[in-house]
Amino acid sequence: MGNLILIGPMGSGKTTVGKALAPRLGLEFVDLDQQIEQRCGVDVSLIFEIEGEQGFRAREHAMLVELSKRQGMLLATGGGSVINPANRELLRATGLVVWLQTGVDQQLRRLARDQRRPLLRAPDRRERLEALAAERDPLYRTCAHRVVRSADISPARMALRAEKEIRQALSEVTPT
């Protein structure tokens, strides 16, 4: 198997499901935001604070270019990775792109206590998440090879569900 890339909004389970799914598929788990943090020595929030979203997006693109040269990984992207058209192209060329699709209600439940995400710092979180969904959902749709609806189940069960759908997708493109 080549690479598997998980896309979707914050709170859709990309990292949690990815960590559970990668060993089941024999892939190395790689989290894009964690790679950026390791490279910079600071967390994403501080990068946003110092360089703004534009500075962070430039770092994100550079890291995607670097990671796109690797094989055998499950890559959990950041929610905004799809904003840049070059990133969408790169992701599709790098591996099988799976959109973990989730609704705003589920995001609100999962992110209720989260204070780290810069784009979630808003007076009305629901309004912010709805605006992000309106902007990004069409981009996720055009980037994804496959859609897996995120559900209110344990990460382990979600990983099993995603694995089933991914194996189905692979069997459709790989002769048996």
C-alpha atoms as a PDB file:
ATOM      1  CA  MET A   1       0.000   0.000   0.000  1.00  0.00           C
ATOM      2  CA  GLY A   2       1.233   3.518  -0.781  1.00  0.00           C
ATOM      3  CA  ASN A   3       0.079   6.419   1.367  1.00  0.00           C
ATOM      4  CA  LEU A   4      -3.236   7.129   2.994  1.00  0.00           C
ATOM      5  CA  ILE A   5      -4.169  10.729   3.737  1.00  0.00           C
ATOM      6  CA  LEU A   6      -6.937  11.750   6.118  1.00  0.00           C
ATOM      7  CA  ILE A   7      -8.566  15.128   5.569  1.00  0.00           C
ATOM      8  CA  GLY A   8     -11.487  16.785   7.301  1.00  0.00           C
ATOM      9  CA  PRO A   9     -12.370  19.510   9.752  1.00  0.00           C
ATOM     10  CA  MET A  10     -10.985  19.865  13.245  1.00  0.00           C
ATOM     11  CA  GLY A  11     -12.634  17.352  15.538  1.00  0.00           C
ATOM     12  CA  SER A  12     -13.393  14.851  12.772  1.00  0.00           C
ATOM     13  CA  GLY A  13     -10.951  12.328  14.244  1.00  0.00           C
ATOM     14  CA  LYS A  14      -8.060  12.478  11.785  1.00  0.00           C
ATOM     15  CA  THR A  15      -5.364  12.081  14.435  1.00  0.00           C
ATOM     16  CA  THR A  16      -7.246   9.753  16.770  1.00  0.00           C
ATOM     17  CA  VAL A  17      -8.541   7.479  14.027  1.00  0.00           C
ATOM     18  CA  GLY A  18      -5.255   7.712  12.135  1.00  0.00           C
ATOM     19  CA  LYS A  19      -3.256   6.471  15.131  1.00  0.00           C
ATOM     20  CA  ALA A  20      -5.591   3.480  15.483  1.00  0.00           C
ATOM     21  CA  LEU A  21      -5.807   2.788  11.753  1.00  0.00           C
ATOM     22  CA  ALA A  22      -2.139   3.077  10.698  1.00  0.00           C
ATOM     23  CA  PRO A  23      -0.905  -0.144  12.363  1.00  0.00           C
ATOM     24  CA  ARG A  24      -3.923  -2.053  11.031  1.00  0.00           C
ATOM     25  CA  LEU A  25      -2.834  -1.109   7.506  1.00  0.00           C
ATOM     26  CA  GLY A  26       0.894  -1.505   8.126  1.00  0.00           C
ATOM     27  CA  LEU A  27       1.545   2.212   7.732  1.00  0.00           C
ATOM     28  CA  GLU A  28       3.592   4.705   9.735  1.00  0.00           C
ATOM     29  CA  PHE A  29       1.383   7.338  11.377  1.00  0.00           C
ATOM     30  CA  VAL A  30       2.383  10.942  10.625  1.00  0.00           C
ATOM     31  CA  ASP A  31       0.514  14.009  11.887  1.00  0.00           C
ATOM     32  CA  LEU A  32       1.136  17.083   9.729  1.00  0.00           C
ATOM     33  CA  ASP A  33       0.676  19.629  12.532  1.00  0.00           C
ATOM     34  CA  GLN A  34       2.988  17.657  14.835  1.00  0.00           C
ATOM     35  CA  GLN A  35       5.647  17.583  12.102  1.00  0.00           C
ATOM     36  CA  ILE A  36       5.401  21.373  11.765  1.00  0.00           C
ATOM     37  CA  GLU A  37       5.611  21.797  15.535  1.00  0.00           C
ATOM     38  CA  GLN A  38       8.681  19.558  15.739  1.00  0.00           C
ATOM     39  CA  ARG A  39      10.382  21.467  12.929  1.00  0.00           C
ATOM     40  CA  CYS A  40       9.601  24.880  14.445  1.00  0.00           C
ATOM     41  CA  GLY A  41      10.010  23.945  18.097  1.00  0.00           C
ATOM     42  CA  VAL A  42       6.725  25.628  19.022  1.00  0.00           C
ATOM     43  CA  ASP A  43       3.057  24.703  18.811  1.00  0.00           C
ATOM     44  CA  VAL A  44       0.705  25.686  16.005  1.00  0.00           C
ATOM     45  CA  SER A  45      -1.014  28.302  18.198  1.00  0.00           C
ATOM     46  CA  LEU A  46       2.225  30.221  18.636  1.00  0.00           C
ATOM     47  CA  ILE A  47       3.012  30.028  14.921  1.00  0.00           C
ATOM     48  CA  PHE A  48      -0.436  31.522  14.214  1.00  0.00           C
ATOM     49  CA  GLU A  49       0.169  34.217  16.851  1.00  0.00           C
ATOM     50  CA  ILE A  50       3.582  35.214  15.502  1.00  0.00           C
ATOM     51  CA  GLU A  51       3.221  34.630  11.742  1.00  0.00           C
ATOM     52  CA  GLY A  52      -0.546  34.685  11.261  1.00  0.00           C
ATOM     53  CA  GLU A  53      -2.500  32.127   9.287  1.00  0.00           C
ATOM     54  CA  GLN A  54      -0.654  32.988   6.071  1.00  0.00           C
ATOM     55  CA  GLY A  55       2.720  32.214   7.673  1.00  0.00           C
ATOM     56  CA  PHE A  56       1.418  28.957   9.066  1.00  0.00           C
ATOM     57  CA  ARG A  57      -0.060  27.948   5.693  1.00  0.00           C
ATOM     58  CA  ALA A  58       3.317  28.546   4.016  1.00  0.00           C
ATOM     59  CA  ARG A  59       4.984  26.242   6.565  1.00  0.00           C
ATOM     60  CA  GLU A  60       2.209  23.698   6.104  1.00  0.00           C
ATOM     61  CA  HIS A  61       2.702  23.638   2.331  1.00  0.00           C
ATOM     62  CA  ALA A  62       6.476  23.251   2.655  1.00  0.00           C
ATOM     63  CA  MET A  63       6.012  20.325   5.055  1.00  0.00           C
ATOM     64  CA  LEU A  64       3.484  18.687   2.706  1.00  0.00           C
ATOM     65  CA  VAL A  65       5.970  18.945  -0.163  1.00  0.00           C
ATOM     66  CA  GLU A  66       8.589  17.252   2.000  1.00  0.00           C
ATOM     67  CA  LEU A  67       6.239  14.527   3.256  1.00  0.00           C
ATOM     68  CA  SER A  68       4.882  13.835  -0.234  1.00  0.00           C
ATOM     69  CA  LYS A  69       8.216  12.199  -1.069  1.00  0.00           C
ATOM     70  CA  ARG A  70       7.661   9.482   1.532  1.00  0.00           C
ATOM     71  CA  GLN A  71       5.866   6.174   1.112  1.00  0.00           C
ATOM     72  CA  GLY A  72       4.100   3.875   3.543  1.00  0.00           C
ATOM     73  CA  MET A  73       2.525   6.511   5.765  1.00  0.00           C
ATOM     74  CA  LEU A  74      -0.902   7.434   7.002  1.00  0.00           C
ATOM     75  CA  LEU A  75      -0.908  11.229   7.058  1.00  0.00           C
ATOM     76  CA  ALA A  76      -3.370  13.105   9.267  1.00  0.00           C
ATOM     77  CA  THR A  77      -3.589  16.621   7.828  1.00  0.00           C
ATOM     78  CA  GLY A  78      -4.731  19.817   9.474  1.00  0.00           C
ATOM     79  CA  GLY A  79      -8.293  20.936   8.816  1.00  0.00           C
ATOM     80  CA  GLY A  80      -7.184  23.834   6.618  1.00  0.00           C
ATOM     81  CA  SER A  81      -4.646  21.952   4.538  1.00  0.00           C
ATOM     82  CA  VAL A  82      -7.091  21.840   1.632  1.00  0.00           C
ATOM     83  CA  ILE A  83      -7.375  25.626   1.326  1.00  0.00           C
ATOM     84  CA  ASN A  84      -4.319  25.841  -0.918  1.00  0.00           C
ATOM     85  CA  PRO A  85      -5.069  24.396  -4.397  1.00  0.00           C
ATOM     86  CA  ALA A  86      -1.451  23.199  -4.671  1.00  0.00           C
ATOM     87  CA  ASN A  87      -1.934  21.227  -1.446  1.00  0.00           C
ATOM     88  CA  ARG A  88      -5.078  19.555  -2.787  1.00  0.00           C
ATOM     89  CA  GLU A  89      -3.202  18.553  -5.931  1.00  0.00           C
ATOM     90  CA  LEU A  90      -0.241  17.304  -3.908  1.00  0.00           C
ATOM     91  CA  LEU A  91      -2.428  15.296  -1.515  1.00  0.00           C
ATOM     92  CA  ARG A  92      -4.271  13.570  -4.368  1.00  0.00           C
ATOM     93  CA  ALA A  93      -0.977  12.726  -6.058  1.00  0.00           C
ATOM     94  CA  THR A  94       0.574  11.429  -2.824  1.00  0.00           C
ATOM     95  CA  GLY A  95      -1.929   8.733  -1.925  1.00  0.00           C
ATOM     96  CA  LEU A  96      -5.513   7.734  -1.301  1.00  0.00           C
ATOM     97  CA  VAL A  97      -7.268  10.763   0.219  1.00  0.00           C
ATOM     98  CA  VAL A  98     -10.075   9.993   2.666  1.00  0.00           C
ATOM     99  CA  TRP A  99     -12.379  12.715   3.973  1.00  0.00           C
ATOM    100  CA  LEU A 100     -13.556  12.057   7.521  1.00  0.00           C
ATOM    101  CA  GLN A 101     -16.794  13.949   7.125  1.00  0.00           C
ATOM    102  CA  THR A 102     -18.405  15.263  10.284  1.00  0.00           C
ATOM    103  CA  GLY A 103     -21.092  17.739  11.284  1.00  0.00           C
ATOM    104  CA  VAL A 104     -20.812  20.886  13.351  1.00  0.00           C
ATOM    105  CA  ASP A 105     -22.780  19.393  16.280  1.00  0.00           C
ATOM    106  CA  GLN A 106     -20.292  16.552  16.553  1.00  0.00           C
ATOM    107  CA  GLN A 107     -17.366  18.972  16.284  1.00  0.00           C
ATOM    108  CA  LEU A 108     -18.792  21.102  19.089  1.00  0.00           C
ATOM    109  CA  ARG A 109     -19.087  18.047  21.357  1.00  0.00           C
ATOM    110  CA  ARG A 110     -15.584  16.810  20.578  1.00  0.00           C
ATOM    111  CA  LEU A 111     -13.939  20.231  20.856  1.00  0.00           C
ATOM    112  CA  ALA A 112     -15.894  21.522  23.874  1.00  0.00           C
ATOM    113  CA  ARG A 113     -12.820  21.752  26.118  1.00  0.00           C
ATOM    114  CA  ASP A 114     -10.241  22.472  23.400  1.00  0.00           C
ATOM    115  CA  GLN A 115      -8.464  25.800  23.908  1.00  0.00           C
ATOM    116  CA  ARG A 116      -5.440  25.159  21.640  1.00  0.00           C
ATOM    117  CA  ARG A 117      -6.879  25.643  18.162  1.00  0.00           C
ATOM    118  CA  PRO A 118      -6.365  29.198  16.908  1.00  0.00           C
ATOM    119  CA  LEU A 119      -9.300  29.192  14.487  1.00  0.00           C
ATOM    120  CA  LEU A 120     -11.644  28.031  17.239  1.00  0.00           C
ATOM    121  CA  ARG A 121     -10.980  31.141  19.331  1.00  0.00           C
ATOM    122  CA  ALA A 122     -14.193  32.932  18.504  1.00  0.00           C
ATOM    123  CA  PRO A 123     -17.084  34.386  20.504  1.00  0.00           C
ATOM    124  CA  ASP A 124     -19.487  31.936  18.843  1.00  0.00           C
ATOM    125  CA  ARG A 125     -17.847  28.571  18.139  1.00  0.00           C
ATOM    126  CA  ARG A 126     -20.879  27.212  16.283  1.00  0.00           C
ATOM    127  CA  GLU A 127     -20.878  30.186  13.940  1.00  0.00           C
ATOM    128  CA  ARG A 128     -17.132  29.807  13.344  1.00  0.00           C
ATOM    129  CA  LEU A 129     -17.397  26.063  12.629  1.00  0.00           C
ATOM    130  CA  GLU A 130     -20.364  26.587  10.302  1.00  0.00           C
ATOM    131  CA  ALA A 131     -18.425  29.256   8.373  1.00  0.00           C
ATOM    132  CA  LEU A 132     -15.393  26.963   8.099  1.00  0.00           C
ATOM    133  CA  ALA A 133     -17.611  24.092   6.915  1.00  0.00           C
ATOM    134  CA  ALA A 134     -19.239  26.289   4.261  1.00  0.00           C
ATOM    135  CA  GLU A 135     -15.804  27.293   2.992  1.00  0.00           C
ATOM    136  CA  ARG A 136     -13.988  23.970   3.280  1.00  0.00           C
ATOM    137  CA  ASP A 137     -16.505  21.174   2.696  1.00  0.00           C
ATOM    138  CA  PRO A 138     -16.529  21.758  -1.090  1.00  0.00           C
ATOM    139  CA  LEU A 139     -12.703  21.639  -1.013  1.00  0.00           C
ATOM    140  CA  TYR A 140     -12.685  18.381   0.977  1.00  0.00           C
ATOM    141  CA  ARG A 141     -15.167  16.962  -1.537  1.00  0.00           C
ATOM    142  CA  THR A 142     -12.995  17.811  -4.551  1.00  0.00           C
ATOM    143  CA  CYS A 143      -9.829  16.535  -2.873  1.00  0.00           C
ATOM    144  CA  ALA A 144     -11.116  13.229  -1.491  1.00  0.00           C
ATOM    145  CA  HIS A 145     -11.006   9.930  -3.320  1.00  0.00           C
ATOM    146  CA  ARG A 146     -13.281   8.484  -0.629  1.00  0.00           C
ATOM    147  CA  VAL A 147     -15.623   9.832   2.070  1.00  0.00           C
ATOM    148  CA  VAL A 148     -16.048   8.150   5.451  1.00  0.00           C
ATOM    149  CA  ARG A 149     -18.758   9.654   7.612  1.00  0.00           C
ATOM    150  CA  SER A 150     -17.367  10.244  11.091  1.00  0.00           C
ATOM    151  CA  ALA A 151     -19.624   8.821  13.778  1.00  0.00           C
ATOM    152  CA  ASP A 152     -20.091   9.123  17.526  1.00  0.00           C
ATOM    153  CA  ILE A 153     -18.360   5.830  18.215  1.00  0.00           C
ATOM    154  CA  SER A 154     -15.044   4.983  19.834  1.00  0.00           C
ATOM    155  CA  PRO A 155     -11.886   5.761  17.861  1.00  0.00           C
ATOM    156  CA  ALA A 156     -11.157   2.015  17.642  1.00  0.00           C
ATOM    157  CA  ARG A 157     -14.582   1.323  16.095  1.00  0.00           C
ATOM    158  CA  MET A 158     -14.231   4.330  13.803  1.00  0.00           C
ATOM    159  CA  ALA A 159     -10.835   3.006  12.689  1.00  0.00           C
ATOM    160  CA  LEU A 160     -12.423  -0.388  11.883  1.00  0.00           C
ATOM    161  CA  ARG A 161     -15.163   1.329   9.913  1.00  0.00           C
ATOM    162  CA  ALA A 162     -12.648   3.475   8.019  1.00  0.00           C
ATOM    163  CA  GLU A 163     -10.434   0.446   7.377  1.00  0.00           C
ATOM    164  CA  LYS A 164     -13.334  -1.445   5.811  1.00  0.00           C
ATOM    165  CA  GLU A 165     -14.174   1.444   3.488  1.00  0.00           C
ATOM    166  CA  ILE A 166     -10.517   2.066   2.606  1.00  0.00           C
ATOM    167  CA  ARG A 167      -9.893  -1.603   1.808  1.00  0.00           C
ATOM    168  CA  GLN A 168     -12.998  -1.490  -0.396  1.00  0.00           C
ATOM    169  CA  ALA A 169     -11.658   1.596  -2.178  1.00  0.00           C
ATOM    170  CA  LEU A 170      -8.287  -0.070  -2.693  1.00  0.00           C
ATOM    171  CA  SER A 171      -9.863  -3.218  -4.087  1.00  0.00           C
ATOM    172  CA  GLU A 172     -11.688  -1.097  -6.653  1.00  0.00           C
ATOM    173  CA  VAL A 173      -8.448   0.377  -8.001  1.00  0.00           C
ATOM    174  CA  THR A 174      -6.107  -2.586  -7.479  1.00  0.00           C
ATOM    175  CA  PRO A 175      -6.535  -5.765  -9.529  1.00  0.00           C
ATOM    176  CA  THR A 176      -6.896  -8.888  -7.368  1.00  0.00           C
END
